Amino acid sequence: MVDDCNMSRENRIMINNICKEITEIKQGISLLNTKVTELFNHQSNRLPLWATLFITHLSSTVVGLLVFAIK
């Protein structure tokens, strides 16, 4: 009888520890989802690659023309 009580107490402690670990894992996943959402929002605010290349090409052309005009 005493062994059954000790075993049930140990089982209850293990179950409580597992519940705490599950809660911590859920909080970690929630934090991870928040960080991924922030990352996607940051990436969506950037210019597309073609626009970046176009602006770079245009600015280098303008600088080249200015250098050519000054000489």
PDB file of N, CA and C in Angstrom:
ATOM      1  N   MET A   1       0.827  -1.206   0.000  1.00  0.00           N
ATOM      2  CA  MET A   1       0.000   0.000   0.000  1.00  0.00           C
ATOM      3  C   MET A   1       0.867   1.265   0.000  1.00  0.00           C
ATOM      4  N   VAL A   2       1.928   1.236   0.790  1.00  0.00           N
ATOM      5  CA  VAL A   2       2.817   2.392   0.892  1.00  0.00           C
ATOM      6  C   VAL A   2       3.525   2.602  -0.445  1.00  0.00           C
ATOM      7  N   ASP A   3       3.908   1.500  -1.107  1.00  0.00           N
ATOM      8  CA  ASP A   3       4.576   1.605  -2.393  1.00  0.00           C
ATOM      9  C   ASP A   3       3.654   2.224  -3.436  1.00  0.00           C
ATOM     10  N   ASP A   4       2.361   1.878  -3.368  1.00  0.00           N
ATOM     11  CA  ASP A   4       1.402   2.452  -4.309  1.00  0.00           C
ATOM     12  C   ASP A   4       1.262   3.957  -4.115  1.00  0.00           C
ATOM     13  N   CYS A   5       1.264   4.395  -2.875  1.00  0.00           N
ATOM     14  CA  CYS A   5       1.152   5.831  -2.587  1.00  0.00           C
ATOM     15  C   CYS A   5       2.392   6.572  -3.072  1.00  0.00           C
ATOM     16  N   ASN A   6       3.567   5.982  -2.831  1.00  0.00           N
ATOM     17  CA  ASN A   6       4.800   6.618  -3.279  1.00  0.00           C
ATOM     18  C   ASN A   6       4.859   6.668  -4.801  1.00  0.00           C
ATOM     19  N   MET A   7       4.428   5.583  -5.436  1.00  0.00           N
ATOM     20  CA  MET A   7       4.457   5.536  -6.894  1.00  0.00           C
ATOM     21  C   MET A   7       3.487   6.554  -7.484  1.00  0.00           C
ATOM     22  N   SER A   8       2.297   6.670  -6.892  1.00  0.00           N
ATOM     23  CA  SER A   8       1.331   7.643  -7.412  1.00  0.00           C
ATOM     24  C   SER A   8       1.821   9.066  -7.176  1.00  0.00           C
ATOM     25  N   ARG A   9       2.515   9.311  -6.073  1.00  0.00           N
ATOM     26  CA  ARG A   9       3.071  10.632  -5.792  1.00  0.00           C
ATOM     27  C   ARG A   9       4.173  10.957  -6.804  1.00  0.00           C
ATOM     28  N   GLU A  10       5.035   9.985  -7.076  1.00  0.00           N
ATOM     29  CA  GLU A  10       6.086  10.185  -8.069  1.00  0.00           C
ATOM     30  C   GLU A  10       5.501  10.416  -9.460  1.00  0.00           C
ATOM     31  N   ASN A  11       4.464   9.660  -9.783  1.00  0.00           N
ATOM     32  CA  ASN A  11       3.808   9.855 -11.081  1.00  0.00           C
ATOM     33  C   ASN A  11       3.200  11.247 -11.196  1.00  0.00           C
ATOM     34  N   ARG A  12       2.595  11.716 -10.117  1.00  0.00           N
ATOM     35  CA  ARG A  12       1.980  13.042 -10.113  1.00  0.00           C
ATOM     36  C   ARG A  12       3.063  14.107 -10.297  1.00  0.00           C
ATOM     37  N   ILE A  13       4.201  13.939  -9.641  1.00  0.00           N
ATOM     38  CA  ILE A  13       5.315  14.885  -9.785  1.00  0.00           C
ATOM     39  C   ILE A  13       5.825  14.879 -11.218  1.00  0.00           C
ATOM     40  N   MET A  14       5.972  13.686 -11.802  1.00  0.00           N
ATOM     41  CA  MET A  14       6.436  13.587 -13.182  1.00  0.00           C
ATOM     42  C   MET A  14       5.451  14.239 -14.137  1.00  0.00           C
ATOM     43  N   ILE A  15       4.167  14.022 -13.906  1.00  0.00           N
ATOM     44  CA  ILE A  15       3.136  14.625 -14.767  1.00  0.00           C
ATOM     45  C   ILE A  15       3.186  16.137 -14.657  1.00  0.00           C
ATOM     46  N   ASN A  16       3.346  16.664 -13.455  1.00  0.00           N
ATOM     47  CA  ASN A  16       3.429  18.117 -13.273  1.00  0.00           C
ATOM     48  C   ASN A  16       4.659  18.684 -13.970  1.00  0.00           C
ATOM     49  N   ASN A  17       5.796  17.966 -13.884  1.00  0.00           N
ATOM     50  CA  ASN A  17       7.008  18.421 -14.565  1.00  0.00           C
ATOM     51  C   ASN A  17       6.822  18.417 -16.079  1.00  0.00           C
ATOM     52  N   ILE A  18       6.177  17.385 -16.588  1.00  0.00           N
ATOM     53  CA  ILE A  18       5.921  17.317 -18.032  1.00  0.00           C
ATOM     54  C   ILE A  18       4.998  18.448 -18.464  1.00  0.00           C
ATOM     55  N   CYS A  19       3.990  18.754 -17.669  1.00  0.00           N
ATOM     56  CA  CYS A  19       3.083  19.866 -17.999  1.00  0.00           C
ATOM     57  C   CYS A  19       3.837  21.195 -18.023  1.00  0.00           C
ATOM     58  N   LYS A  20       4.755  21.389 -17.078  1.00  0.00           N
ATOM     59  CA  LYS A  20       5.559  22.615 -17.068  1.00  0.00           C
ATOM     60  C   LYS A  20       6.441  22.692 -18.306  1.00  0.00           C
ATOM     61  N   GLU A  21       7.047  21.566 -18.687  1.00  0.00           N
ATOM     62  CA  GLU A  21       7.900  21.540 -19.874  1.00  0.00           C
ATOM     63  C   GLU A  21       7.091  21.820 -21.134  1.00  0.00           C
ATOM     64  N   ILE A  22       5.896  21.275 -21.215  1.00  0.00           N
ATOM     65  CA  ILE A  22       5.031  21.533 -22.377  1.00  0.00           C
ATOM     66  C   ILE A  22       4.686  23.013 -22.455  1.00  0.00           C
ATOM     67  N   THR A  23       4.402  23.622 -21.314  1.00  0.00           N
ATOM     68  CA  THR A  23       4.100  25.052 -21.281  1.00  0.00           C
ATOM     69  C   THR A  23       5.299  25.866 -21.755  1.00  0.00           C
ATOM     70  N   GLU A  24       6.505  25.489 -21.311  1.00  0.00           N
ATOM     71  CA  GLU A  24       7.715  26.196 -21.741  1.00  0.00           C
ATOM     72  C   GLU A  24       7.937  26.028 -23.238  1.00  0.00           C
ATOM     73  N   ILE A  25       7.689  24.835 -23.759  1.00  0.00           N
ATOM     74  CA  ILE A  25       7.848  24.592 -25.200  1.00  0.00           C
ATOM     75  C   ILE A  25       6.851  25.424 -25.994  1.00  0.00           C
ATOM     76  N   LYS A  26       5.614  25.496 -25.530  1.00  0.00           N
ATOM     77  CA  LYS A  26       4.601  26.307 -26.218  1.00  0.00           C
ATOM     78  C   LYS A  26       4.992  27.780 -26.213  1.00  0.00           C
ATOM     79  N   GLN A  27       5.547  28.273 -25.104  1.00  0.00           N
ATOM     80  CA  GLN A  27       5.988  29.662 -25.044  1.00  0.00           C
ATOM     81  C   GLN A  27       7.151  29.900 -25.997  1.00  0.00           C
ATOM     82  N   GLY A  28       8.053  28.933 -26.084  1.00  0.00           N
ATOM     83  CA  GLY A  28       9.177  29.051 -27.012  1.00  0.00           C
ATOM     84  C   GLY A  28       8.711  29.075 -28.456  1.00  0.00           C
ATOM     85  N   ILE A  29       7.742  28.237 -28.785  1.00  0.00           N
ATOM     86  CA  ILE A  29       7.194  28.217 -30.146  1.00  0.00           C
ATOM     87  C   ILE A  29       6.489  29.525 -30.449  1.00  0.00           C
ATOM     88  N   SER A  30       5.769  30.050 -29.482  1.00  0.00           N
ATOM     89  CA  SER A  30       5.090  31.336 -29.670  1.00  0.00           C
ATOM     90  C   SER A  30       6.102  32.448 -29.923  1.00  0.00           C
ATOM     91  N   LEU A  31       7.186  32.465 -29.162  1.00  0.00           N
ATOM     92  CA  LEU A  31       8.241  33.465 -29.355  1.00  0.00           C
ATOM     93  C   LEU A  31       8.886  33.306 -30.730  1.00  0.00           C
ATOM     94  N   LEU A  32       9.121  32.064 -31.132  1.00  0.00           N
ATOM     95  CA  LEU A  32       9.700  31.792 -32.440  1.00  0.00           C
ATOM     96  C   LEU A  32       8.780  32.273 -33.558  1.00  0.00           C
ATOM     97  N   ASN A  33       7.482  32.027 -33.427  1.00  0.00           N
ATOM     98  CA  ASN A  33       6.520  32.505 -34.426  1.00  0.00           C
ATOM     99  C   ASN A  33       6.523  34.016 -34.511  1.00  0.00           C
ATOM    100  N   THR A  34       6.636  34.681 -33.372  1.00  0.00           N
ATOM    101  CA  THR A  34       6.690  36.140 -33.356  1.00  0.00           C
ATOM    102  C   THR A  34       7.929  36.643 -34.086  1.00  0.00           C
ATOM    103  N   LYS A  35       9.078  36.018 -33.830  1.00  0.00           N
ATOM    104  CA  LYS A  35      10.319  36.424 -34.484  1.00  0.00           C
ATOM    105  C   LYS A  35      10.258  36.181 -35.988  1.00  0.00           C
ATOM    106  N   VAL A  36       9.680  35.056 -36.410  1.00  0.00           N
ATOM    107  CA  VAL A  36       9.556  34.757 -37.842  1.00  0.00           C
ATOM    108  C   VAL A  36       8.636  35.772 -38.514  1.00  0.00           C
ATOM    109  N   THR A  37       7.554  36.132 -37.849  1.00  0.00           N
ATOM    110  CA  THR A  37       6.641  37.142 -38.397  1.00  0.00           C
ATOM    111  C   THR A  37       7.350  38.483 -38.550  1.00  0.00           C
ATOM    112  N   GLU A  38       8.145  38.869 -37.547  1.00  0.00           N
ATOM    113  CA  GLU A  38       8.911  40.117 -37.638  1.00  0.00           C
ATOM    114  C   GLU A  38       9.905  40.060 -38.800  1.00  0.00           C
ATOM    115  N   LEU A  39      10.536  38.922 -38.987  1.00  0.00           N
ATOM    116  CA  LEU A  39      11.493  38.760 -40.074  1.00  0.00           C
ATOM    117  C   LEU A  39      10.808  38.891 -41.427  1.00  0.00           C
ATOM    118  N   PHE A  40       9.647  38.246 -41.584  1.00  0.00           N
ATOM    119  CA  PHE A  40       8.911  38.353 -42.839  1.00  0.00           C
ATOM    120  C   PHE A  40       8.453  39.780 -43.093  1.00  0.00           C
ATOM    121  N   ASN A  41       8.027  40.476 -42.043  1.00  0.00           N
ATOM    122  CA  ASN A  41       7.611  41.870 -42.207  1.00  0.00           C
ATOM    123  C   ASN A  41       8.797  42.735 -42.627  1.00  0.00           C
ATOM    124  N   HIS A  42       9.959  42.478 -42.056  1.00  0.00           N
ATOM    125  CA  HIS A  42      11.155  43.244 -42.420  1.00  0.00           C
ATOM    126  C   HIS A  42      11.524  42.971 -43.881  1.00  0.00           C
ATOM    127  N   GLN A  43      11.473  41.719 -44.285  1.00  0.00           N
ATOM    128  CA  GLN A  43      11.833  41.368 -45.653  1.00  0.00           C
ATOM    129  C   GLN A  43      10.821  41.917 -46.654  1.00  0.00           C
ATOM    130  N   SER A  44       9.559  41.989 -46.275  1.00  0.00           N
ATOM    131  CA  SER A  44       8.553  42.479 -47.211  1.00  0.00           C
ATOM    132  C   SER A  44       8.644  43.986 -47.417  1.00  0.00           C
ATOM    133  N   ASN A  45       9.304  44.692 -46.502  1.00  0.00           N
ATOM    134  CA  ASN A  45       9.458  46.138 -46.634  1.00  0.00           C
ATOM    135  C   ASN A  45      10.652  46.513 -47.508  1.00  0.00           C
ATOM    136  N   ARG A  46      11.418  45.534 -47.943  1.00  0.00           N
ATOM    137  CA  ARG A  46      12.588  45.818 -48.768  1.00  0.00           C
ATOM    138  C   ARG A  46      12.181  45.931 -50.229  1.00  0.00           C
ATOM    139  N   LEU A  47      13.036  46.619 -51.002  1.00  0.00           N
ATOM    140  CA  LEU A  47      12.807  46.716 -52.438  1.00  0.00           C
ATOM    141  C   LEU A  47      13.079  45.371 -53.084  1.00  0.00           C
ATOM    142  N   PRO A  48      12.373  45.070 -54.175  1.00  0.00           N
ATOM    143  CA  PRO A  48      12.704  43.847 -54.897  1.00  0.00           C
ATOM    144  C   PRO A  48      14.090  43.965 -55.538  1.00  0.00           C
ATOM    145  N   LEU A  49      14.670  42.840 -55.884  1.00  0.00           N
ATOM    146  CA  LEU A  49      16.021  42.814 -56.423  1.00  0.00           C
ATOM    147  C   LEU A  49      16.125  43.599 -57.724  1.00  0.00           C
ATOM    148  N   TRP A  50      15.122  43.488 -58.595  1.00  0.00           N
ATOM    149  CA  TRP A  50      15.195  44.180 -59.880  1.00  0.00           C
ATOM    150  C   TRP A  50      15.223  45.694 -59.674  1.00  0.00           C
ATOM    151  N   ALA A  51      14.478  46.188 -58.673  1.00  0.00           N
ATOM    152  CA  ALA A  51      14.458  47.629 -58.417  1.00  0.00           C
ATOM    153  C   ALA A  51      15.811  48.098 -57.875  1.00  0.00           C
ATOM    154  N   THR A  52      16.401  47.286 -57.024  1.00  0.00           N
ATOM    155  CA  THR A  52      17.718  47.625 -56.491  1.00  0.00           C
ATOM    156  C   THR A  52      18.749  47.679 -57.617  1.00  0.00           C
ATOM    157  N   LEU A  53      18.730  46.695 -58.500  1.00  0.00           N
ATOM    158  CA  LEU A  53      19.667  46.675 -59.622  1.00  0.00           C
ATOM    159  C   LEU A  53      19.442  47.855 -60.566  1.00  0.00           C
ATOM    160  N   PHE A  54      18.173  48.185 -60.808  1.00  0.00           N
ATOM    161  CA  PHE A  54      17.851  49.308 -61.680  1.00  0.00           C
ATOM    162  C   PHE A  54      18.366  50.620 -61.099  1.00  0.00           C
ATOM    163  N   ILE A  55      18.142  50.829 -59.819  1.00  0.00           N
ATOM    164  CA  ILE A  55      18.603  52.059 -59.168  1.00  0.00           C
ATOM    165  C   ILE A  55      20.130  52.124 -59.191  1.00  0.00           C
ATOM    166  N   THR A  56      20.792  51.005 -58.954  1.00  0.00           N
ATOM    167  CA  THR A  56      22.261  50.971 -58.979  1.00  0.00           C
ATOM    168  C   THR A  56      22.778  51.307 -60.374  1.00  0.00           C
ATOM    169  N   HIS A  57      22.190  50.697 -61.375  1.00  0.00           N
ATOM    170  CA  HIS A  57      22.609  50.951 -62.756  1.00  0.00           C
ATOM    171  C   HIS A  57      22.356  52.408 -63.151  1.00  0.00           C
ATOM    172  N   LEU A  58      21.193  52.930 -62.789  1.00  0.00           N
ATOM    173  CA  LEU A  58      20.853  54.302 -63.115  1.00  0.00           C
ATOM    174  C   LEU A  58      21.806  55.284 -62.426  1.00  0.00           C
ATOM    175  N   SER A  59      22.085  55.062 -61.155  1.00  0.00           N
ATOM    176  CA  SER A  59      22.974  55.987 -60.453  1.00  0.00           C
ATOM    177  C   SER A  59      24.402  55.908 -60.991  1.00  0.00           C
ATOM    178  N   SER A  60      24.864  54.709 -61.343  1.00  0.00           N
ATOM    179  CA  SER A  60      26.216  54.620 -61.910  1.00  0.00           C
ATOM    180  C   SER A  60      26.280  55.271 -63.286  1.00  0.00           C
ATOM    181  N   THR A  61      25.196  55.181 -64.062  1.00  0.00           N
ATOM    182  CA  THR A  61      25.157  55.852 -65.362  1.00  0.00           C
ATOM    183  C   THR A  61      25.204  57.362 -65.190  1.00  0.00           C
ATOM    184  N   VAL A  62      24.446  57.880 -64.249  1.00  0.00           N
ATOM    185  CA  VAL A  62      24.430  59.322 -63.999  1.00  0.00           C
ATOM    186  C   VAL A  62      25.805  59.792 -63.540  1.00  0.00           C
ATOM    187  N   VAL A  63      26.446  59.056 -62.656  1.00  0.00           N
ATOM    188  CA  VAL A  63      27.783  59.432 -62.192  1.00  0.00           C
ATOM    189  C   VAL A  63      28.770  59.374 -63.353  1.00  0.00           C
ATOM    190  N   GLY A  64      28.662  58.341 -64.191  1.00  0.00           N
ATOM    191  CA  GLY A  64      29.532  58.238 -65.358  1.00  0.00           C
ATOM    192  C   GLY A  64      29.350  59.405 -66.304  1.00  0.00           C
ATOM    193  N   LEU A  65      28.121  59.813 -66.542  1.00  0.00           N
ATOM    194  CA  LEU A  65      27.848  60.964 -67.416  1.00  0.00           C
ATOM    195  C   LEU A  65      28.392  62.259 -66.815  1.00  0.00           C
ATOM    196  N   LEU A  66      28.261  62.406 -65.514  1.00  0.00           N
ATOM    197  CA  LEU A  66      28.787  63.613 -64.858  1.00  0.00           C
ATOM    198  C   LEU A  66      30.313  63.655 -64.960  1.00  0.00           C
ATOM    199  N   VAL A  67      30.963  62.539 -64.767  1.00  0.00           N
ATOM    200  CA  VAL A  67      32.420  62.490 -64.888  1.00  0.00           C
ATOM    201  C   VAL A  67      32.827  62.804 -66.300  1.00  0.00           C
ATOM    202  N   PHE A  68      32.112  62.271 -67.277  1.00  0.00           N
ATOM    203  CA  PHE A  68      32.417  62.502 -68.686  1.00  0.00           C
ATOM    204  C   PHE A  68      32.191  63.990 -69.044  1.00  0.00           C
ATOM    205  N   ALA A  69      31.127  64.585 -68.477  1.00  0.00           N
ATOM    206  CA  ALA A  69      30.813  65.979 -68.777  1.00  0.00           C
ATOM    207  C   ALA A  69      31.839  66.940 -68.155  1.00  0.00           C
ATOM    208  N   ILE A  70      32.354  66.581 -67.005  1.00  0.00           N
ATOM    209  CA  ILE A  70      33.297  67.460 -66.316  1.00  0.00           C
ATOM    210  C   ILE A  70      34.647  67.446 -67.046  1.00  0.00           C
ATOM    211  N   LYS A  71      35.055  66.318 -67.591  1.00  0.00           N
ATOM    212  CA  LYS A  71      36.364  66.242 -68.262  1.00  0.00           C
ATOM    213  C   LYS A  71      36.322  66.953 -69.547  1.00  0.00           C
TER     214      LYS A  71
END
